[in-house]
Protein backbone atom coordinates (compact mmCIF):
# COMPACT_ATOMS: atom_id res chain seq x y z
CA MET A 1 65.13 -133.23 -169.00
CA LYS A 2 64.63 -134.46 -165.42
CA LEU A 3 68.06 -136.15 -165.36
CA LEU A 4 69.68 -132.96 -166.60
CA LEU A 5 67.96 -130.92 -163.89
CA TRP A 6 69.06 -133.24 -161.10
CA GLY A 7 72.58 -133.32 -162.51
CA VAL A 8 72.81 -129.52 -162.44
CA ILE A 9 71.44 -129.42 -158.88
CA LEU A 10 74.00 -132.04 -157.75
CA ILE A 11 76.88 -130.09 -159.26
CA ILE A 12 75.72 -126.89 -157.56
CA ALA A 13 75.33 -128.71 -154.23
CA LEU A 14 78.88 -130.10 -154.36
CA ALA A 15 80.51 -126.96 -155.76
CA PRO A 16 81.60 -125.51 -152.36
CA PHE A 17 83.53 -128.69 -151.54
CA LEU A 18 85.35 -129.18 -154.83
CA ASP A 19 88.21 -126.79 -153.99
CA SER A 20 88.81 -128.27 -150.50
CA LEU A 21 88.78 -132.01 -150.93
CA ASP A 22 92.14 -132.37 -149.03
CA THR A 23 91.03 -130.37 -145.99
CA PRO A 24 88.48 -131.03 -143.26
CA TYR A 25 86.32 -128.36 -144.84
CA ILE A 26 83.08 -130.29 -144.66
CA GLY A 27 83.18 -130.72 -140.88
CA SER A 28 83.79 -127.02 -140.28
CA PHE A 29 81.26 -125.85 -142.88
CA ILE A 30 78.46 -123.75 -141.41
CA LEU A 31 75.12 -125.33 -142.31
CA SER A 32 72.98 -122.19 -142.53
CA PRO A 33 75.08 -120.31 -145.14
CA TYR A 34 75.35 -123.51 -147.12
CA LEU A 35 71.57 -123.97 -147.23
CA THR A 36 71.21 -120.34 -148.26
CA TYR A 37 73.70 -120.94 -151.05
CA ILE A 38 71.77 -124.01 -152.23
CA SER A 39 68.46 -122.15 -152.09
CA VAL A 40 69.76 -119.16 -154.05
CA ALA A 41 71.48 -121.34 -156.67
CA VAL A 42 68.82 -124.01 -157.19
CA THR A 43 65.58 -121.99 -156.96
CA PRO A 44 66.01 -120.24 -160.37
CA ILE A 45 66.73 -123.58 -162.02
CA ILE A 46 63.61 -125.14 -160.53
CA ALA A 47 61.59 -122.08 -161.58
CA LEU A 48 62.99 -122.32 -165.12
CA TYR A 49 62.11 -126.01 -165.28
CA ALA A 50 58.58 -125.29 -163.99
CA TYR A 51 58.20 -122.53 -166.60
CA SER A 52 59.30 -124.92 -169.35
CA GLY A 53 56.76 -127.48 -168.17
CA VAL A 54 53.92 -124.95 -168.12
CA LYS A 55 54.91 -123.64 -171.55
CA LYS A 56 54.96 -127.14 -173.03
CA SER A 57 51.59 -127.90 -171.44
CA LEU A 58 50.08 -124.73 -172.96
CA GLU A 59 51.55 -125.59 -176.37
CA LEU A 60 50.01 -129.07 -176.20
CA GLN A 61 46.65 -127.61 -175.18
CA ASP A 62 46.83 -125.11 -178.04
CA SER A 63 47.66 -127.89 -180.49
CA GLU A 64 44.76 -130.01 -179.24
CA LEU A 65 42.37 -127.05 -179.52
CA LYS A 66 43.46 -126.47 -183.11
CA ILE A 67 42.89 -130.14 -183.93
CA ILE A 68 39.43 -130.05 -182.35
CA SER A 69 38.60 -126.80 -184.15
CA ASN A 70 39.71 -128.22 -187.52
CA GLU A 71 37.69 -131.39 -186.92
CA ASN A 72 34.60 -129.31 -186.16
CA LYS A 73 35.17 -127.26 -189.32
CA LYS A 74 35.60 -130.42 -191.38
CA GLN A 75 32.37 -131.89 -190.05
CA GLU A 76 30.50 -128.65 -190.76
CA ILE A 77 31.85 -128.54 -194.32
CA ILE A 78 30.88 -132.18 -194.89
CA ARG A 79 27.34 -131.43 -193.70
CA CYS A 80 27.13 -128.51 -196.11
CA LEU A 81 28.44 -130.64 -198.99
CA GLU A 82 25.84 -133.30 -198.22
CA LYS A 83 23.15 -130.61 -198.29
CA TYR A 84 24.31 -129.42 -201.71
CA GLU A 85 24.30 -132.99 -202.99
CA VAL A 86 20.55 -133.06 -202.35
CA LEU A 87 20.03 -129.58 -203.82
CA ILE A 88 21.91 -130.40 -207.03
CA LYS A 89 19.82 -133.50 -207.62
CA GLU A 90 16.56 -131.71 -206.78
CA SER A 91 17.43 -128.81 -209.11
CA LEU A 92 18.04 -131.07 -212.10
CA LEU A 93 15.00 -133.20 -211.34
CA ASN A 94 12.83 -130.08 -211.36
CA TYR A 95 13.09 -130.33 -215.11
CA LYS A 96 10.51 -133.04 -215.54
CA GLN A 97 11.27 -134.26 -219.03
CA THR A 98 12.37 -137.87 -219.39
CA PHE A 99 14.78 -139.10 -222.04
CA ILE A 100 14.24 -142.41 -223.84
CA THR A 101 17.08 -144.37 -225.39
CA GLU A 102 16.61 -145.62 -228.92
CA GLN A 103 15.97 -149.29 -229.59
CA ILE A 104 18.76 -151.05 -231.43
CA ASN A 105 16.54 -154.01 -232.17
CA GLU A 106 12.93 -155.05 -231.48
CA ASP A 107 13.89 -157.26 -228.53
CA GLN A 108 15.56 -154.43 -226.65
CA GLU A 109 13.47 -152.48 -224.16
CA CYS A 110 13.41 -148.70 -224.15
CA ASN A 111 14.90 -147.15 -221.02
CA GLU A 112 13.82 -143.83 -219.54
CA TYR A 113 16.26 -141.49 -217.88
CA ASP A 114 15.81 -138.22 -216.05
CA PHE A 115 17.68 -134.95 -216.52
CA TYR A 116 19.93 -135.59 -213.52
CA GLN A 117 21.24 -138.78 -215.12
CA VAL A 118 21.68 -137.08 -218.50
CA MET A 119 23.81 -134.31 -216.98
CA THR A 120 25.93 -136.44 -214.65
CA MET A 121 26.65 -139.64 -216.60
CA LEU A 122 29.13 -140.10 -219.45
CA LEU A 123 26.73 -142.55 -221.06
CA PHE A 124 24.51 -139.68 -222.20
CA GLU A 125 27.13 -137.56 -223.95
CA THR A 126 25.22 -137.56 -227.24
CA VAL A 127 21.85 -136.85 -225.60
CA TYR A 128 23.34 -133.99 -223.60
CA GLU A 129 24.99 -132.43 -226.66
CA GLN A 130 21.76 -132.59 -228.66
CA THR A 131 19.46 -131.40 -225.88
CA VAL A 132 21.18 -128.90 -223.60
CA LYS A 133 21.93 -125.47 -225.05
CA PRO A 134 24.72 -123.15 -223.91
CA LYS A 135 24.06 -120.16 -221.68
CA ASN A 136 24.55 -117.70 -224.55
CA TYR A 137 21.51 -119.16 -226.28
CA TYR A 138 19.31 -117.92 -223.45
CA VAL A 139 20.95 -114.61 -222.53
CA GLU A 140 21.48 -113.22 -226.02
CA LYS A 141 18.62 -111.30 -227.57
CA SER A 142 16.70 -113.19 -230.20
CA SER A 143 13.54 -112.65 -232.18
CA ILE A 144 12.61 -116.28 -231.64
CA PRO A 145 10.91 -116.76 -228.26
CA LYS A 146 12.08 -119.57 -226.02
CA THR A 147 9.68 -122.40 -225.38
CA PHE A 148 8.36 -123.24 -221.91
CA LYS A 149 10.50 -126.38 -221.78
CA GLU A 150 13.61 -124.43 -222.77
CA ASN A 151 13.02 -121.90 -220.01
CA MET A 152 12.45 -124.67 -217.48
CA MET A 153 15.69 -126.35 -218.53
CA PHE A 154 17.59 -123.06 -218.32
CA GLU A 155 16.27 -122.41 -214.82
CA ALA A 156 17.21 -125.90 -213.66
CA ILE A 157 20.76 -125.58 -215.02
CA VAL A 158 21.33 -122.08 -213.62
CA ILE A 159 20.29 -123.15 -210.11
CA THR A 160 22.38 -126.30 -210.40
CA SER A 161 25.43 -124.31 -211.46
CA LEU A 162 25.10 -122.15 -208.34
CA HIS A 163 25.05 -125.25 -206.16
CA VAL A 164 28.08 -126.71 -207.96
CA SER A 165 29.93 -123.43 -207.37
CA ARG A 166 29.21 -123.74 -203.65
CA VAL A 167 30.51 -127.31 -203.66
CA ALA A 168 33.77 -126.10 -205.22
CA GLU A 169 34.09 -123.35 -202.59
CA TYR A 170 33.52 -125.74 -199.69
CA ILE A 171 36.03 -128.24 -201.08
CA HIS A 172 38.56 -125.43 -201.38
CA GLU A 173 38.07 -124.60 -197.69
CA TYR A 174 38.21 -128.29 -196.75
CA LYS A 175 41.57 -128.71 -198.46
CA LYS A 176 42.99 -125.81 -196.41
CA ILE A 177 42.48 -127.65 -193.11
CA SER A 178 42.79 -131.30 -194.11
CA ASP A 179 44.99 -133.60 -196.18
CA ASP A 180 42.18 -136.15 -196.33
CA ASN A 181 41.66 -137.02 -200.00
CA LEU A 182 38.70 -139.30 -199.41
CA ALA A 183 36.03 -136.59 -199.29
CA VAL A 184 37.79 -134.55 -201.99
CA GLY A 185 38.01 -137.57 -204.30
CA PHE A 186 34.38 -138.48 -203.66
CA TYR A 187 33.03 -135.10 -204.82
CA TYR A 188 35.48 -134.90 -207.67
CA ASN A 189 34.27 -138.23 -209.06
CA LYS A 190 30.60 -137.55 -208.37
CA TYR A 191 30.43 -134.20 -210.17
CA ARG A 192 33.32 -134.18 -212.61
CA VAL A 193 31.06 -134.91 -215.62
CA LEU A 194 28.47 -132.36 -214.53
CA ALA A 195 31.10 -129.70 -213.78
CA LYS A 196 32.81 -130.20 -217.14
CA ARG A 197 29.54 -129.87 -219.02
CA LEU A 198 28.52 -126.76 -217.09
CA LYS A 199 31.93 -125.23 -217.87
CA ILE A 200 31.65 -126.02 -221.60
CA LEU A 201 28.13 -124.58 -221.71
CA GLY A 202 29.25 -121.40 -219.93
CA TYR A 203 27.29 -121.82 -216.70
CA ILE A 204 30.30 -121.91 -214.35
CA ASN A 205 33.54 -119.96 -214.63
CA GLN A 206 37.13 -121.15 -214.71
CA GLY A 207 37.63 -120.42 -211.02
CA THR A 208 34.81 -122.77 -210.05
CA TYR A 209 35.97 -125.46 -212.46
CA CYS A 210 39.57 -125.17 -211.24
CA PHE A 211 39.14 -128.00 -208.70
CA TRP A 212 38.07 -130.53 -211.33
CA GLU A 213 40.60 -129.30 -213.88
CA GLU A 214 43.49 -129.68 -211.40
CA LYS A 215 42.44 -133.22 -210.60
CA LEU A 216 42.16 -134.10 -214.29
CA ASN A 217 45.65 -132.72 -214.98
CA ASN A 218 47.08 -134.91 -212.20
CA PHE A 219 45.83 -138.12 -213.82
C-alpha cells in the first residue's frame, strides 16, 4: 500500500514534465504554480490513504472488542455450567436412599451407591429401570397414595430435570459464540446418561434433549 502511494505521488510530480522532455522546460518552470499543482494533486491521495488507515484501525479495534466480548461471555457461561454441575448433584443426593448391589457369591462385598450414581452411570441400568418411575406415574390421578419416599424421589428428579434443561440452554448459547468442542464434549459425556433417562421418563422435552441426541447421531 505504501509503495503504491509513493508511486502515484511520483507520477503526479513528474506529470508536468512528461510532454516537454526535449525542451528546456524544467529550467523555465515557475516553482510556485508547480508546488500548488503538487499540493492540489497529492493532498486528496494522502487524505484517502489516511482515511483507509483509520478505517482499518477501527475495524481491527472492533474485531478485538468482539473477541474480548465473546471470551467474557464464554467464561460467564462456563461459570454458570459449573454452578449447575453442583446443583444437579445436590438435587439427586437430596434423595437419601442408598442402593446396594447384590452379592454374586459369599466372598464378594456389597457396595452401596447413592441416587446420583444410579441416575448418571450406565452400570445401574437395571436398578434405575426397577426403581425410578416415569413422570406420568406421579401426575396422573390415582386412588393409591404415593409413599413419602416416592414423593421425595419425584421432587429430586423434577428439580434435577430443571437444572439439566438450563445446562442444555447454556451449551446452546456457548455453541453460538465458540467452536470449542472441549467444554461441549465434557458436558455431553457427563450428563448423556442422565439426560437420556430423564427424556425416557418424561421429565425433559425433546428440545432440551436435542443437544445429546445430535451428538449421539454424529457417532
